Amino acid sequence: MPRLPVLTPAKTIRALERAGFIFIRQRGSHRIYVRGEKGVTIPFHNKDLRKGTLKQIIQQSGLTVEEFIKLL
């Protein structure tokens, strides 16, 4: 499994949008994106995402780490 890069929320969102996710709504600082039955919640702060948070976002999206990295 390749190493996860350090990403900002904006770069993560860009990759998910390339995968077909669409912005639905925002509650506070968390943005919700949906593609089909899959929903992903992304904390939108001015800091880099932690590795565990990024892993959970990738898992929620239904993508593999390799597929996600190709979308960057």
C-alpha atoms as a PDB file:
ATOM      1  CA  MET A   1       0.000   0.000   0.000  1.00  0.00           C
ATOM      2  CA  PRO A   2       1.478   3.390  -0.971  1.00  0.00           C
ATOM      3  CA  ARG A   3       2.084   6.030   1.656  1.00  0.00           C
ATOM      4  CA  LEU A   4      -0.581   8.657   2.107  1.00  0.00           C
ATOM      5  CA  PRO A   5       0.557  12.178   1.223  1.00  0.00           C
ATOM      6  CA  VAL A   6      -0.055  15.139   3.524  1.00  0.00           C
ATOM      7  CA  LEU A   7      -3.028  16.972   2.029  1.00  0.00           C
ATOM      8  CA  THR A   8      -5.091  20.050   2.713  1.00  0.00           C
ATOM      9  CA  PRO A   9      -8.869  19.729   2.685  1.00  0.00           C
ATOM     10  CA  ALA A  10      -9.019  21.692  -0.607  1.00  0.00           C
ATOM     11  CA  LYS A  11      -6.733  19.222  -2.420  1.00  0.00           C
ATOM     12  CA  THR A  12      -8.704  16.309  -0.995  1.00  0.00           C
ATOM     13  CA  ILE A  13     -11.967  17.829  -2.228  1.00  0.00           C
ATOM     14  CA  ARG A  14     -10.483  18.398  -5.694  1.00  0.00           C
ATOM     15  CA  ALA A  15      -9.543  14.721  -5.927  1.00  0.00           C
ATOM     16  CA  LEU A  16     -13.016  13.605  -4.811  1.00  0.00           C
ATOM     17  CA  GLU A  17     -14.665  15.926  -7.345  1.00  0.00           C
ATOM     18  CA  ARG A  18     -12.567  14.290 -10.074  1.00  0.00           C
ATOM     19  CA  ALA A  19     -13.996  10.968  -8.861  1.00  0.00           C
ATOM     20  CA  GLY A  20     -17.531  12.299  -9.380  1.00  0.00           C
ATOM     21  CA  PHE A  21     -18.472  13.503  -5.889  1.00  0.00           C
ATOM     22  CA  ILE A  22     -20.781  16.521  -5.726  1.00  0.00           C
ATOM     23  CA  PHE A  23     -21.012  19.117  -2.939  1.00  0.00           C
ATOM     24  CA  ILE A  24     -24.382  18.812  -1.209  1.00  0.00           C
ATOM     25  CA  ARG A  25     -24.255  20.939   1.921  1.00  0.00           C
ATOM     26  CA  GLN A  26     -22.131  22.327   4.701  1.00  0.00           C
ATOM     27  CA  ARG A  27     -22.712  22.269   8.431  1.00  0.00           C
ATOM     28  CA  GLY A  28     -20.269  24.423  10.335  1.00  0.00           C
ATOM     29  CA  SER A  29     -16.808  23.623   9.026  1.00  0.00           C
ATOM     30  CA  HIS A  30     -17.730  20.204   7.631  1.00  0.00           C
ATOM     31  CA  ARG A  31     -18.633  19.759   3.967  1.00  0.00           C
ATOM     32  CA  ILE A  32     -20.661  16.806   2.730  1.00  0.00           C
ATOM     33  CA  TYR A  33     -20.052  15.339  -0.738  1.00  0.00           C
ATOM     34  CA  VAL A  34     -22.123  12.592  -2.365  1.00  0.00           C
ATOM     35  CA  ARG A  35     -21.743  10.187  -5.290  1.00  0.00           C
ATOM     36  CA  GLY A  36     -24.564   7.700  -5.689  1.00  0.00           C
ATOM     37  CA  GLU A  37     -25.098   6.033  -2.318  1.00  0.00           C
ATOM     38  CA  LYS A  38     -21.669   7.060  -0.970  1.00  0.00           C
ATOM     39  CA  GLY A  39     -21.423  10.127   1.249  1.00  0.00           C
ATOM     40  CA  VAL A  40     -18.208  11.706   2.491  1.00  0.00           C
ATOM     41  CA  THR A  41     -17.798  14.296   5.246  1.00  0.00           C
ATOM     42  CA  ILE A  42     -14.691  16.472   5.023  1.00  0.00           C
ATOM     43  CA  PRO A  43     -13.569  18.856   7.783  1.00  0.00           C
ATOM     44  CA  PHE A  44     -12.719  22.121   6.028  1.00  0.00           C
ATOM     45  CA  HIS A  45     -10.071  23.838   8.171  1.00  0.00           C
ATOM     46  CA  ASN A  46      -6.878  25.752   7.395  1.00  0.00           C
ATOM     47  CA  LYS A  47      -4.703  22.838   8.524  1.00  0.00           C
ATOM     48  CA  ASP A  48      -3.485  19.684   6.818  1.00  0.00           C
ATOM     49  CA  LEU A  49      -5.645  16.616   7.342  1.00  0.00           C
ATOM     50  CA  ARG A  50      -4.340  14.023   9.765  1.00  0.00           C
ATOM     51  CA  LYS A  51      -3.441  10.613   8.336  1.00  0.00           C
ATOM     52  CA  GLY A  52      -6.290   8.858  10.165  1.00  0.00           C
ATOM     53  CA  THR A  53      -8.828  11.421   8.961  1.00  0.00           C
ATOM     54  CA  LEU A  54      -7.617  11.066   5.372  1.00  0.00           C
ATOM     55  CA  LYS A  55      -7.844   7.264   5.627  1.00  0.00           C
ATOM     56  CA  GLN A  56     -11.440   7.536   6.844  1.00  0.00           C
ATOM     57  CA  ILE A  57     -12.345   9.925   3.988  1.00  0.00           C
ATOM     58  CA  ILE A  58     -10.898   7.477   1.455  1.00  0.00           C
ATOM     59  CA  GLN A  59     -12.736   4.569   3.113  1.00  0.00           C
ATOM     60  CA  GLN A  60     -16.054   6.498   3.121  1.00  0.00           C
ATOM     61  CA  SER A  61     -15.616   7.301  -0.575  1.00  0.00           C
ATOM     62  CA  GLY A  62     -15.300   3.630  -1.517  1.00  0.00           C
ATOM     63  CA  LEU A  63     -12.004   4.260  -3.326  1.00  0.00           C
ATOM     64  CA  THR A  64      -8.747   2.458  -2.712  1.00  0.00           C
ATOM     65  CA  VAL A  65      -5.666   4.418  -1.663  1.00  0.00           C
ATOM     66  CA  GLU A  66      -4.114   3.790  -5.063  1.00  0.00           C
ATOM     67  CA  GLU A  67      -7.209   5.088  -6.904  1.00  0.00           C
ATOM     68  CA  PHE A  68      -7.315   8.150  -4.672  1.00  0.00           C
ATOM     69  CA  ILE A  69      -3.635   8.978  -5.236  1.00  0.00           C
ATOM     70  CA  LYS A  70      -4.136   8.768  -9.021  1.00  0.00           C
ATOM     71  CA  LEU A  71      -6.857  11.430  -8.724  1.00  0.00           C
ATOM     72  CA  LEU A  72      -4.517  13.958  -7.073  1.00  0.00           C
END
